[in-house]
Amino acid sequence: MKDFEQLFSVYNCNLNDDAVKTQTAKIISEHYDQNNNATVYRQCLNQIDLTSLNGSDTVSAIQSMTNKVNQFKANFPTLPNVAALCVYPAMVQTVKENLTENIGIASVAAGFPSSQTFIEVKIAEIAMAVLAGASEIDVVISIGKFLEGKYDEVYEELTEIKSTCRAAHLKVILETGDLKTAANIKRASIIAMAAGADFIKTSTGKIPVAATPEATFVMCNAIREWHEKTGEKIGYKPAGGISTTEDAVKHYTLVQQILGNDWLTNKLFRFGASRLANNLLTSIEAKEIKYF
């Protein structure tokens, strides 16, 4: 059993929400303009997990999305491709069979988006997604257990999930809109990283409050502190509600200013998005693009 209160004290989890809001706004106001340019838009495009997580997803729709990625270089030869495709577990094999580009195959799993199922079901779903070809697994923490203060249970579940992922990278979704406070977001970030997360991620995109600049501020500071104390570089993925170029640049600016240029690569920084790619392409090309 870990002493989580001691761990939280080491990572300064007693955060004030108003102070976080003020500090976040200050960084954006001081540094946004220098990043609001085509070079950054291109970088953001290369950091997208192009996502389709609809109950109405069909094999043909996922094939079409995959083929768009395969044909991207032919249509936009000077631009970088997206970082990965993100789909439900049942669609992983479809992506695997059709994908010809060297990008990641990400799958949500483990009872996404609520995480309200048995650990045995979570483990089985992850194992099957990896077997089908997923190179990245995105899971949601047991939010209810976290809110009840059952930190050991959240931690133990995530460590078991991490083991099941084997070589696949694990992205742990905190669902920051349900955690509500900066202090809770910081604590959940620390638990996820302690359990072996390769990335921490804001949201599922399935609840009203998703990726906010304030959540990015808190989570990136948690990653920075973790790196300073352990030497480990944990990735960051804002997801849910990020659809405009302005949204992307704001989050990019926070990552740059808090974590530094080492994190400005799709190995350590991703966007989870379905609409963002077309909007970035529109900004880059200076004309409306509806490619994806």
Protein backbone atom coordinates (compact mmCIF):
# COMPACT_ATOMS: atom_id res chain seq x y z
CA MET A 1 0.00 0.00 0.00
CA LYS A 2 1.36 3.40 -0.97
CA ASP A 3 1.14 6.37 1.37
CA PHE A 4 -0.68 8.60 -1.09
CA GLU A 5 -1.05 11.55 1.25
CA GLN A 6 2.73 11.59 1.63
CA LEU A 7 3.12 11.29 -2.15
CA PHE A 8 0.68 14.13 -2.74
CA SER A 9 2.56 16.36 -0.31
CA VAL A 10 5.79 15.83 -2.28
CA TYR A 11 4.06 17.00 -5.47
CA ASN A 12 2.27 20.05 -4.04
CA CYS A 13 -1.33 18.97 -4.63
CA ASN A 14 -2.93 21.71 -2.51
CA LEU A 15 -3.81 23.92 -5.45
CA ASN A 16 -6.09 26.94 -5.54
CA ASP A 17 -8.47 27.00 -8.51
CA ASP A 18 -8.50 30.78 -8.84
CA ALA A 19 -4.70 30.94 -8.78
CA VAL A 20 -4.51 28.23 -11.46
CA LYS A 21 -6.93 30.17 -13.65
CA THR A 22 -4.90 33.35 -13.27
CA GLN A 23 -1.56 31.66 -14.01
CA THR A 24 -2.99 29.86 -17.03
CA ALA A 25 -4.41 33.04 -18.51
CA LYS A 26 -1.10 34.84 -17.95
CA ILE A 27 0.91 32.27 -19.91
CA ILE A 28 -1.55 32.34 -22.81
CA SER A 29 -1.74 36.13 -22.94
CA GLU A 30 2.06 36.48 -22.91
CA HIS A 31 3.01 33.71 -25.35
CA TYR A 32 0.05 32.85 -27.59
CA ASP A 33 0.88 35.34 -30.34
CA GLN A 34 4.39 33.98 -30.91
CA ASN A 35 2.89 30.52 -31.59
CA ASN A 36 -0.01 31.62 -33.74
CA ASN A 37 1.63 30.78 -37.06
CA ALA A 38 1.71 28.14 -39.79
CA THR A 39 4.81 26.40 -38.40
CA VAL A 40 3.00 25.64 -35.15
CA TYR A 41 -0.18 24.65 -37.01
CA ARG A 42 1.86 22.07 -38.94
CA GLN A 43 3.36 20.73 -35.73
CA CYS A 44 -0.08 20.47 -34.13
CA LEU A 45 -1.35 18.54 -37.16
CA ASN A 46 1.43 15.99 -36.66
CA GLN A 47 0.37 15.55 -33.02
CA ILE A 48 -3.25 14.57 -33.66
CA ASP A 49 -4.76 11.23 -32.70
CA LEU A 50 -7.40 11.31 -35.46
CA THR A 51 -10.41 9.96 -33.59
CA SER A 52 -13.72 8.31 -34.36
CA LEU A 53 -15.61 7.11 -31.27
CA ASN A 54 -19.24 7.06 -32.35
CA GLY A 55 -21.84 4.45 -31.62
CA SER A 56 -22.68 4.69 -35.32
CA ASP A 57 -19.14 3.84 -36.51
CA THR A 58 -19.16 1.25 -39.27
CA VAL A 59 -16.38 -0.82 -40.80
CA SER A 60 -16.71 1.15 -44.04
CA ALA A 61 -16.51 4.48 -42.20
CA ILE A 62 -13.32 3.45 -40.39
CA GLN A 63 -11.87 2.09 -43.64
CA SER A 64 -12.58 5.46 -45.26
CA MET A 65 -10.90 7.37 -42.41
CA THR A 66 -7.88 5.05 -42.61
CA ASN A 67 -7.64 5.49 -46.37
CA LYS A 68 -7.69 9.27 -45.95
CA VAL A 69 -4.61 8.92 -43.74
CA ASN A 70 -2.98 6.56 -46.26
CA GLN A 71 -3.56 9.06 -49.08
CA PHE A 72 -2.67 12.16 -47.09
CA LYS A 73 0.87 12.54 -48.45
CA ALA A 74 -0.36 12.30 -52.02
CA ASN A 75 -2.81 15.13 -51.37
CA PHE A 76 -0.61 17.27 -49.09
CA PRO A 77 3.00 16.36 -49.97
CA THR A 78 4.57 19.16 -47.93
CA LEU A 79 2.66 18.48 -44.72
CA PRO A 80 3.23 15.94 -41.93
CA ASN A 81 0.63 13.24 -41.35
CA VAL A 82 -1.33 12.75 -38.13
CA ALA A 83 0.27 10.79 -35.28
CA ALA A 84 -2.27 7.99 -34.87
CA LEU A 85 -5.79 6.77 -35.51
CA CYS A 86 -7.96 6.27 -32.41
CA VAL A 87 -10.95 3.91 -32.53
CA TYR A 88 -13.06 1.55 -30.45
CA PRO A 89 -11.57 -1.93 -29.79
CA ALA A 90 -13.87 -3.64 -32.30
CA MET A 91 -12.47 -1.39 -35.05
CA VAL A 92 -8.76 -1.96 -34.35
CA GLN A 93 -8.52 -4.89 -36.76
CA THR A 94 -10.13 -2.80 -39.51
CA VAL A 95 -7.48 -0.11 -39.07
CA LYS A 96 -4.70 -2.71 -38.85
CA GLU A 97 -5.79 -4.40 -42.08
CA ASN A 98 -6.07 -1.13 -44.04
CA LEU A 99 -3.37 1.16 -42.65
CA THR A 100 -0.25 1.55 -44.79
CA GLU A 101 1.24 4.65 -43.12
CA ASN A 102 3.70 4.24 -40.25
CA ILE A 103 1.55 5.81 -37.54
CA GLY A 104 0.07 4.57 -34.28
CA ILE A 105 -3.12 2.57 -33.83
CA ALA A 106 -4.77 3.76 -30.64
CA SER A 107 -7.77 2.11 -29.03
CA VAL A 108 -9.91 3.20 -26.14
CA ALA A 109 -10.60 0.26 -23.84
CA ALA A 110 -11.37 -0.88 -20.29
CA GLY A 111 -15.02 0.10 -20.22
CA PHE A 112 -14.58 3.43 -22.00
CA PRO A 113 -15.94 6.03 -21.41
CA SER A 114 -17.29 5.46 -17.87
CA SER A 115 -14.86 2.76 -16.66
CA GLN A 116 -17.80 1.33 -14.73
CA THR A 117 -17.26 -2.36 -15.34
CA PHE A 118 -15.42 -5.30 -13.80
CA ILE A 119 -11.62 -5.29 -13.77
CA GLU A 120 -11.71 -8.69 -15.48
CA VAL A 121 -13.68 -7.17 -18.37
CA LYS A 122 -11.26 -4.25 -18.58
CA ILE A 123 -8.25 -6.56 -18.72
CA ALA A 124 -9.85 -8.81 -21.34
CA GLU A 125 -10.81 -5.86 -23.56
CA ILE A 126 -7.30 -4.38 -23.39
CA ALA A 127 -5.68 -7.74 -24.14
CA MET A 128 -7.97 -8.28 -27.14
CA ALA A 129 -7.33 -4.76 -28.49
CA VAL A 130 -3.56 -5.28 -28.26
CA LEU A 131 -3.87 -8.69 -29.92
CA ALA A 132 -5.87 -7.08 -32.74
CA GLY A 133 -3.05 -4.63 -33.40
CA ALA A 134 -3.40 -1.62 -31.09
CA SER A 135 -0.04 0.01 -30.36
CA GLU A 136 -1.60 2.47 -27.89
CA ILE A 137 -4.34 1.97 -25.31
CA ASP A 138 -6.43 4.81 -23.83
CA VAL A 139 -8.25 4.01 -20.56
CA VAL A 140 -10.27 6.02 -18.04
CA ILE A 141 -9.46 5.92 -14.33
CA SER A 142 -12.15 4.60 -11.99
CA ILE A 143 -13.47 8.08 -11.29
CA GLY A 144 -15.97 7.03 -8.64
CA LYS A 145 -13.29 5.23 -6.64
CA PHE A 146 -11.00 8.23 -6.93
CA LEU A 147 -13.69 10.62 -5.69
CA GLU A 148 -14.28 8.34 -2.69
CA GLY A 149 -10.58 8.55 -1.86
CA LYS A 150 -9.89 4.91 -2.74
CA TYR A 151 -6.54 5.82 -4.23
CA ASP A 152 -5.01 2.39 -3.64
CA GLU A 153 -7.75 0.73 -5.69
CA VAL A 154 -7.31 3.20 -8.54
CA TYR A 155 -3.54 2.67 -8.46
CA GLU A 156 -3.69 -1.13 -8.31
CA GLU A 157 -6.15 -1.27 -11.19
CA LEU A 158 -3.94 0.93 -13.35
CA THR A 159 -0.83 -1.13 -12.61
CA GLU A 160 -2.67 -4.26 -13.72
CA ILE A 161 -3.85 -2.47 -16.85
CA LYS A 162 -0.30 -1.30 -17.58
CA SER A 163 0.97 -4.88 -17.36
CA THR A 164 -1.75 -6.06 -19.75
CA CYS A 165 -0.76 -3.43 -22.34
CA ARG A 166 2.62 -5.16 -22.79
CA ALA A 167 4.47 -3.19 -25.51
CA ALA A 168 1.52 -0.88 -26.23
CA HIS A 169 1.74 2.62 -24.75
CA LEU A 170 -0.77 3.38 -22.01
CA LYS A 171 -2.64 6.68 -22.00
CA VAL A 172 -4.58 7.26 -18.78
CA ILE A 173 -7.65 9.50 -19.07
CA LEU A 174 -8.47 11.45 -15.91
CA GLU A 175 -11.84 12.83 -17.07
CA THR A 176 -10.92 16.19 -15.60
CA GLY A 177 -14.43 17.60 -15.99
CA ASP A 178 -15.66 15.10 -13.41
CA LEU A 179 -12.71 15.72 -11.07
CA LYS A 180 -13.70 19.40 -11.05
CA THR A 181 -10.87 20.87 -8.91
CA ALA A 182 -7.22 21.53 -9.72
CA ALA A 183 -6.22 19.63 -6.58
CA ASN A 184 -8.08 16.51 -7.72
CA ILE A 185 -6.60 16.75 -11.22
CA LYS A 186 -3.10 16.99 -9.74
CA ARG A 187 -3.66 14.00 -7.44
CA ALA A 188 -5.09 11.87 -10.24
CA SER A 189 -2.12 12.81 -12.46
CA ILE A 190 0.33 11.64 -9.81
CA ILE A 191 -1.49 8.34 -9.26
CA ALA A 192 -1.57 7.64 -13.01
CA MET A 193 2.14 8.35 -13.45
CA ALA A 194 3.04 6.31 -10.36
CA ALA A 195 1.09 3.39 -11.86
CA GLY A 196 3.12 3.50 -15.08
CA ALA A 197 1.17 5.71 -17.49
CA ASP A 198 3.12 6.61 -20.63
CA PHE A 199 0.73 9.54 -21.21
CA ILE A 200 -1.83 11.30 -19.09
CA LYS A 201 -4.90 12.56 -20.93
CA THR A 202 -7.59 15.02 -19.94
CA SER A 203 -10.90 13.69 -21.15
CA THR A 204 -13.08 11.25 -23.06
CA GLY A 205 -14.98 13.97 -24.90
CA LYS A 206 -18.19 12.31 -23.69
CA ILE A 207 -19.11 14.78 -20.92
CA PRO A 208 -19.83 18.53 -21.17
CA VAL A 209 -16.54 19.75 -19.64
CA ALA A 210 -13.54 18.36 -21.47
CA ALA A 211 -10.01 19.68 -22.10
CA THR A 212 -9.63 23.12 -20.54
CA PRO A 213 -6.48 25.26 -20.52
CA GLU A 214 -6.54 25.07 -16.71
CA ALA A 215 -6.46 21.25 -16.81
CA THR A 216 -3.51 21.43 -19.21
CA PHE A 217 -1.73 23.82 -16.84
CA VAL A 218 -2.19 21.49 -13.85
CA MET A 219 -1.33 18.26 -15.68
CA CYS A 220 1.74 19.69 -17.40
CA ASN A 221 3.05 20.99 -14.09
CA ALA A 222 2.51 17.52 -12.62
CA ILE A 223 4.51 16.01 -15.51
CA ARG A 224 7.26 18.60 -15.05
CA GLU A 225 7.55 17.87 -11.33
CA TRP A 226 7.49 14.12 -11.98
CA HIS A 227 10.30 14.49 -14.52
CA GLU A 228 12.37 16.60 -12.11
CA LYS A 229 12.05 13.98 -9.36
CA THR A 230 12.25 10.74 -11.37
CA GLY A 231 13.91 11.61 -14.69
CA GLU A 232 10.94 10.03 -16.53
CA LYS A 233 9.31 11.89 -19.42
CA ILE A 234 5.57 11.30 -19.40
CA GLY A 235 3.49 12.35 -22.40
CA TYR A 236 0.49 14.66 -22.37
CA LYS A 237 -2.75 14.46 -24.39
CA PRO A 238 -5.51 17.06 -24.18
CA ALA A 239 -8.67 15.64 -25.71
CA GLY A 240 -12.34 16.50 -25.94
CA GLY A 241 -13.66 19.77 -27.31
CA ILE A 242 -10.43 20.81 -29.02
CA SER A 243 -11.66 21.66 -32.50
CA THR A 244 -10.27 25.05 -33.55
CA THR A 245 -6.79 26.19 -34.45
CA GLU A 246 -7.00 28.70 -31.60
CA ASP A 247 -7.76 25.89 -29.12
CA ALA A 248 -4.77 23.90 -30.33
CA VAL A 249 -2.37 26.84 -30.14
CA LYS A 250 -3.45 27.63 -26.58
CA HIS A 251 -2.71 24.11 -25.39
CA TYR A 252 0.50 24.00 -27.42
CA THR A 253 1.61 27.25 -25.77
CA LEU A 254 1.00 25.89 -22.27
CA VAL A 255 2.94 22.70 -23.03
CA GLN A 256 5.81 24.70 -24.50
CA GLN A 257 6.06 27.12 -21.59
CA ILE A 258 5.65 24.56 -18.80
CA LEU A 259 7.39 21.47 -20.21
CA GLY A 260 9.71 22.96 -22.83
CA ASN A 261 10.60 22.15 -26.40
CA ASP A 262 11.46 18.50 -25.64
CA TRP A 263 7.74 17.83 -25.34
CA LEU A 264 6.81 19.41 -28.68
CA THR A 265 6.84 16.09 -30.53
CA ASN A 266 4.17 13.47 -31.07
CA LYS A 267 6.21 11.08 -28.94
CA LEU A 268 5.26 13.16 -25.89
CA PHE A 269 2.37 15.43 -26.92
CA ARG A 270 -0.85 14.49 -28.70
CA PHE A 271 -4.25 16.02 -29.36
CA GLY A 272 -7.30 13.80 -29.27
CA ALA A 273 -9.59 15.24 -31.93
CA SER A 274 -11.96 14.53 -34.78
CA ARG A 275 -12.56 18.03 -36.21
CA LEU A 276 -9.23 19.70 -35.46
CA ALA A 277 -7.34 18.26 -38.45
CA ASN A 278 -9.54 19.97 -41.05
CA ASN A 279 -9.43 23.27 -39.19
CA LEU A 280 -5.63 23.18 -38.98
CA LEU A 281 -5.44 22.34 -42.68
CA THR A 282 -7.71 25.30 -43.39
CA SER A 283 -5.44 27.58 -41.36
CA ILE A 284 -2.28 26.26 -43.04
CA GLU A 285 -3.64 26.43 -46.59
CA ALA A 286 -5.55 29.70 -46.02
CA LYS A 287 -8.65 28.22 -47.64
CA GLU A 288 -11.38 25.91 -46.43
CA ILE A 289 -10.28 22.27 -46.37
CA LYS A 290 -12.63 19.38 -45.64
CA TYR A 291 -10.32 16.46 -46.22
CA PHE A 292 -10.92 14.23 -43.20
